[in-house]
């Protein structure tokens, strides 16, 4: 959950907050398809942040789409090479 709040704080009060919250809420409820769609909406709008890619990777992982999960974990690492949690997820 720290990652979620980190991104929310970094984005500030922007148009992205609502979409990010919807994605996070959907993930928490186990609605991974909705979560993925909302996170991907942010990506399509040009948001590039390691926490976004990490959360998106987690949603893909939970939905059984391992290739997409790995790709997004790698995107997170490209932006933040020492991001906590990402390497552990890749090692699973």
N, C-alpha and C. Protein backbone atom coordinates (compact mmCIF):
# COMPACT_ATOMS: atom_id res chain seq x y z
N UNK A 1 0.81 -1.19 0.00
CA UNK A 1 0.00 0.00 0.00
C UNK A 1 0.86 1.26 0.00
N UNK A 2 2.08 1.17 0.52
CA UNK A 2 2.99 2.31 0.54
C UNK A 2 3.24 2.82 -0.87
N UNK A 3 3.41 1.90 -1.81
CA UNK A 3 3.64 2.28 -3.19
C UNK A 3 2.48 3.09 -3.73
N UNK A 4 1.27 2.68 -3.41
CA UNK A 4 0.08 3.37 -3.88
C UNK A 4 0.07 4.81 -3.38
N UNK A 5 0.30 4.98 -2.11
CA UNK A 5 0.27 6.32 -1.55
C UNK A 5 1.42 7.16 -2.03
N UNK A 6 2.56 6.55 -2.28
CA UNK A 6 3.72 7.25 -2.80
C UNK A 6 3.37 7.92 -4.12
N UNK A 7 2.76 7.18 -5.02
CA UNK A 7 2.40 7.74 -6.32
C UNK A 7 1.34 8.82 -6.17
N UNK A 8 0.37 8.58 -5.32
CA UNK A 8 -0.68 9.57 -5.12
C UNK A 8 -0.10 10.89 -4.64
N UNK A 9 0.87 10.82 -3.73
CA UNK A 9 1.50 12.04 -3.24
C UNK A 9 2.33 12.72 -4.31
N UNK A 10 3.05 11.93 -5.10
CA UNK A 10 3.90 12.50 -6.14
C UNK A 10 3.08 13.16 -7.24
N UNK A 11 1.94 12.59 -7.56
CA UNK A 11 1.11 13.17 -8.61
C UNK A 11 0.37 14.40 -8.12
N UNK A 12 0.15 14.48 -6.82
CA UNK A 12 -0.57 15.61 -6.27
C UNK A 12 -2.02 15.58 -6.70
N UNK A 13 -2.65 16.72 -6.60
CA UNK A 13 -4.07 16.82 -6.95
C UNK A 13 -4.18 17.05 -8.45
N UNK A 14 -4.12 15.97 -9.21
CA UNK A 14 -4.19 16.06 -10.65
C UNK A 14 -5.33 15.22 -11.17
N UNK A 15 -5.50 15.24 -12.46
CA UNK A 15 -6.52 14.44 -13.11
C UNK A 15 -6.25 12.95 -12.96
N UNK A 16 -5.02 12.60 -12.64
CA UNK A 16 -4.65 11.19 -12.55
C UNK A 16 -5.10 10.56 -11.24
N UNK A 17 -5.28 11.36 -10.21
CA UNK A 17 -5.60 10.82 -8.89
C UNK A 17 -6.83 9.94 -8.89
N UNK A 18 -7.90 10.39 -9.52
CA UNK A 18 -9.14 9.62 -9.53
C UNK A 18 -8.97 8.28 -10.20
N UNK A 19 -8.30 8.27 -11.33
CA UNK A 19 -8.09 7.03 -12.07
C UNK A 19 -7.19 6.09 -11.28
N UNK A 20 -6.14 6.63 -10.68
CA UNK A 20 -5.23 5.79 -9.89
C UNK A 20 -5.97 5.19 -8.70
N UNK A 21 -6.80 5.98 -8.04
CA UNK A 21 -7.57 5.47 -6.90
C UNK A 21 -8.54 4.39 -7.35
N UNK A 22 -9.20 4.60 -8.48
CA UNK A 22 -10.11 3.58 -8.99
C UNK A 22 -9.37 2.27 -9.27
N UNK A 23 -8.19 2.37 -9.85
CA UNK A 23 -7.38 1.18 -10.14
C UNK A 23 -6.98 0.48 -8.86
N UNK A 24 -6.56 1.24 -7.88
CA UNK A 24 -6.12 0.68 -6.61
C UNK A 24 -7.29 0.04 -5.86
N UNK A 25 -8.43 0.70 -5.86
CA UNK A 25 -9.61 0.15 -5.21
C UNK A 25 -10.04 -1.15 -5.88
N UNK A 26 -10.02 -1.18 -7.20
CA UNK A 26 -10.39 -2.39 -7.93
C UNK A 26 -9.44 -3.52 -7.59
N UNK A 27 -8.16 -3.23 -7.52
CA UNK A 27 -7.16 -4.25 -7.15
C UNK A 27 -7.46 -4.81 -5.76
N UNK A 28 -7.73 -3.92 -4.81
CA UNK A 28 -8.00 -4.34 -3.44
C UNK A 28 -9.23 -5.25 -3.35
N UNK A 29 -10.17 -5.06 -4.26
CA UNK A 29 -11.39 -5.88 -4.29
C UNK A 29 -11.23 -7.14 -5.13
N UNK A 30 -10.05 -7.34 -5.70
CA UNK A 30 -9.82 -8.52 -6.53
C UNK A 30 -10.31 -8.39 -7.95
N UNK A 31 -10.66 -7.18 -8.36
CA UNK A 31 -11.11 -6.91 -9.73
C UNK A 31 -9.90 -6.53 -10.58
N UNK A 32 -9.08 -7.52 -10.88
CA UNK A 32 -7.80 -7.24 -11.52
C UNK A 32 -7.96 -6.73 -12.95
N UNK A 33 -8.98 -7.18 -13.66
CA UNK A 33 -9.21 -6.69 -15.01
C UNK A 33 -9.52 -5.19 -15.03
N UNK A 34 -10.35 -4.76 -14.10
CA UNK A 34 -10.67 -3.33 -13.99
C UNK A 34 -9.42 -2.56 -13.57
N UNK A 35 -8.69 -3.11 -12.63
CA UNK A 35 -7.46 -2.47 -12.16
C UNK A 35 -6.49 -2.28 -13.32
N UNK A 36 -6.29 -3.32 -14.10
CA UNK A 36 -5.38 -3.24 -15.25
C UNK A 36 -5.85 -2.17 -16.22
N UNK A 37 -7.13 -2.16 -16.53
CA UNK A 37 -7.66 -1.17 -17.48
C UNK A 37 -7.42 0.25 -16.99
N UNK A 38 -7.62 0.49 -15.71
CA UNK A 38 -7.43 1.84 -15.17
C UNK A 38 -5.95 2.22 -15.15
N UNK A 39 -5.09 1.30 -14.73
CA UNK A 39 -3.65 1.61 -14.75
C UNK A 39 -3.18 1.84 -16.19
N UNK A 40 -3.66 1.03 -17.11
CA UNK A 40 -3.27 1.19 -18.52
C UNK A 40 -3.79 2.52 -19.08
N UNK A 41 -4.90 2.98 -18.58
CA UNK A 41 -5.42 4.29 -18.98
C UNK A 41 -4.42 5.38 -18.62
N UNK A 42 -3.84 5.27 -17.44
CA UNK A 42 -2.82 6.25 -17.03
C UNK A 42 -1.59 6.16 -17.92
N UNK A 43 -1.17 4.95 -18.23
CA UNK A 43 -0.01 4.76 -19.10
C UNK A 43 -0.29 5.39 -20.46
N UNK A 44 -1.49 5.18 -20.99
CA UNK A 44 -1.86 5.74 -22.29
C UNK A 44 -1.88 7.27 -22.26
N UNK A 45 -2.11 7.84 -21.07
CA UNK A 45 -2.11 9.30 -20.92
C UNK A 45 -0.70 9.85 -20.73
N UNK A 46 0.28 8.97 -20.73
CA UNK A 46 1.67 9.42 -20.66
C UNK A 46 2.29 9.41 -19.28
N UNK A 47 1.59 8.86 -18.29
CA UNK A 47 2.15 8.80 -16.95
C UNK A 47 3.24 7.73 -16.93
N UNK A 48 4.41 8.11 -16.48
CA UNK A 48 5.54 7.18 -16.33
C UNK A 48 6.06 7.34 -14.92
N UNK A 49 5.76 6.36 -14.10
CA UNK A 49 6.21 6.38 -12.72
C UNK A 49 6.44 4.95 -12.28
N UNK A 50 7.53 4.69 -11.56
CA UNK A 50 7.81 3.31 -11.18
C UNK A 50 6.70 2.65 -10.37
N UNK A 51 6.04 3.40 -9.49
CA UNK A 51 4.97 2.82 -8.69
C UNK A 51 3.78 2.40 -9.56
N UNK A 52 3.51 3.17 -10.60
CA UNK A 52 2.43 2.82 -11.53
C UNK A 52 2.76 1.49 -12.21
N UNK A 53 3.97 1.35 -12.71
CA UNK A 53 4.34 0.11 -13.41
C UNK A 53 4.41 -1.07 -12.45
N UNK A 54 4.85 -0.83 -11.23
CA UNK A 54 4.88 -1.88 -10.21
C UNK A 54 3.47 -2.38 -9.92
N UNK A 55 2.55 -1.45 -9.67
CA UNK A 55 1.17 -1.83 -9.38
C UNK A 55 0.54 -2.53 -10.58
N UNK A 56 0.81 -2.04 -11.76
CA UNK A 56 0.29 -2.67 -12.97
C UNK A 56 0.85 -4.08 -13.11
N UNK A 57 2.13 -4.24 -12.84
CA UNK A 57 2.73 -5.57 -12.85
C UNK A 57 2.06 -6.50 -11.87
N UNK A 58 1.77 -6.00 -10.68
CA UNK A 58 1.09 -6.82 -9.68
C UNK A 58 -0.30 -7.24 -10.15
N UNK A 59 -1.02 -6.32 -10.77
CA UNK A 59 -2.36 -6.65 -11.27
C UNK A 59 -2.29 -7.69 -12.38
N UNK A 60 -1.33 -7.54 -13.27
CA UNK A 60 -1.15 -8.55 -14.32
C UNK A 60 -0.78 -9.90 -13.71
N UNK A 61 0.10 -9.89 -12.74
CA UNK A 61 0.51 -11.14 -12.08
C UNK A 61 -0.70 -11.83 -11.45
N UNK A 62 -1.50 -11.08 -10.73
CA UNK A 62 -2.67 -11.66 -10.06
C UNK A 62 -3.72 -12.16 -11.04
N UNK A 63 -3.71 -11.62 -12.26
CA UNK A 63 -4.66 -12.08 -13.28
C UNK A 63 -4.08 -13.22 -14.11
N UNK A 64 -2.86 -13.66 -13.77
CA UNK A 64 -2.25 -14.80 -14.47
C UNK A 64 -1.52 -14.45 -15.74
N UNK A 65 -1.29 -13.18 -16.00
CA UNK A 65 -0.60 -12.74 -17.21
C UNK A 65 0.85 -12.42 -16.87
N UNK A 66 1.65 -13.47 -16.77
CA UNK A 66 3.01 -13.34 -16.27
C UNK A 66 3.92 -12.52 -17.17
N UNK A 67 3.78 -12.65 -18.48
CA UNK A 67 4.62 -11.88 -19.39
C UNK A 67 4.40 -10.39 -19.23
N UNK A 68 3.15 -9.97 -19.14
CA UNK A 68 2.84 -8.55 -18.94
C UNK A 68 3.30 -8.08 -17.57
N UNK A 69 3.20 -8.96 -16.57
CA UNK A 69 3.67 -8.61 -15.23
C UNK A 69 5.17 -8.33 -15.26
N UNK A 70 5.92 -9.24 -15.84
CA UNK A 70 7.37 -9.09 -15.92
C UNK A 70 7.74 -7.82 -16.68
N UNK A 71 7.08 -7.57 -17.79
CA UNK A 71 7.37 -6.37 -18.59
C UNK A 71 7.18 -5.10 -17.76
N UNK A 72 6.13 -5.06 -16.96
CA UNK A 72 5.88 -3.87 -16.16
C UNK A 72 6.81 -3.76 -14.97
N UNK A 73 7.20 -4.89 -14.39
CA UNK A 73 8.21 -4.82 -13.33
C UNK A 73 9.51 -4.27 -13.90
N UNK A 74 9.86 -4.68 -15.11
CA UNK A 74 11.09 -4.19 -15.75
C UNK A 74 10.98 -2.70 -16.06
N UNK A 75 9.80 -2.24 -16.43
CA UNK A 75 9.59 -0.81 -16.67
C UNK A 75 9.80 -0.03 -15.36
N UNK A 76 9.30 -0.59 -14.26
CA UNK A 76 9.49 0.06 -12.96
C UNK A 76 10.97 0.15 -12.62
N UNK A 77 11.69 -0.95 -12.83
CA UNK A 77 13.13 -0.97 -12.53
C UNK A 77 13.92 -0.02 -13.42
N UNK A 78 13.50 0.14 -14.65
CA UNK A 78 14.19 1.07 -15.56
C UNK A 78 14.13 2.49 -15.03
N UNK A 79 13.03 2.83 -14.37
CA UNK A 79 12.87 4.17 -13.81
C UNK A 79 13.44 4.29 -12.40
N UNK A 80 13.41 3.19 -11.66
CA UNK A 80 13.89 3.19 -10.28
C UNK A 80 14.59 1.86 -10.00
N UNK A 81 15.89 1.78 -10.33
CA UNK A 81 16.62 0.51 -10.25
C UNK A 81 16.64 -0.15 -8.87
N UNK A 82 16.43 0.60 -7.82
CA UNK A 82 16.50 0.04 -6.47
C UNK A 82 15.13 -0.04 -5.81
N UNK A 83 14.09 -0.05 -6.62
CA UNK A 83 12.73 -0.07 -6.07
C UNK A 83 12.48 -1.35 -5.28
N UNK A 84 12.09 -1.16 -4.06
CA UNK A 84 11.84 -2.28 -3.16
C UNK A 84 10.65 -3.10 -3.64
N UNK A 85 10.77 -4.38 -3.60
CA UNK A 85 9.67 -5.27 -3.95
C UNK A 85 9.71 -5.79 -5.37
N UNK A 86 10.22 -4.99 -6.29
CA UNK A 86 10.20 -5.39 -7.69
C UNK A 86 11.10 -6.59 -7.92
N UNK A 87 12.31 -6.53 -7.44
CA UNK A 87 13.24 -7.66 -7.65
C UNK A 87 12.72 -8.94 -7.00
N UNK A 88 12.11 -8.81 -5.83
CA UNK A 88 11.54 -9.98 -5.17
C UNK A 88 10.44 -10.60 -6.04
N UNK A 89 9.62 -9.76 -6.64
CA UNK A 89 8.56 -10.29 -7.51
C UNK A 89 9.14 -10.96 -8.75
N UNK A 90 10.20 -10.42 -9.29
CA UNK A 90 10.82 -11.02 -10.47
C UNK A 90 11.50 -12.35 -10.13
N UNK A 91 11.94 -12.49 -8.90
CA UNK A 91 12.62 -13.72 -8.49
C UNK A 91 11.65 -14.86 -8.18
N UNK A 92 10.35 -14.56 -8.13
CA UNK A 92 9.35 -15.61 -7.82
C UNK A 92 9.23 -16.60 -8.93
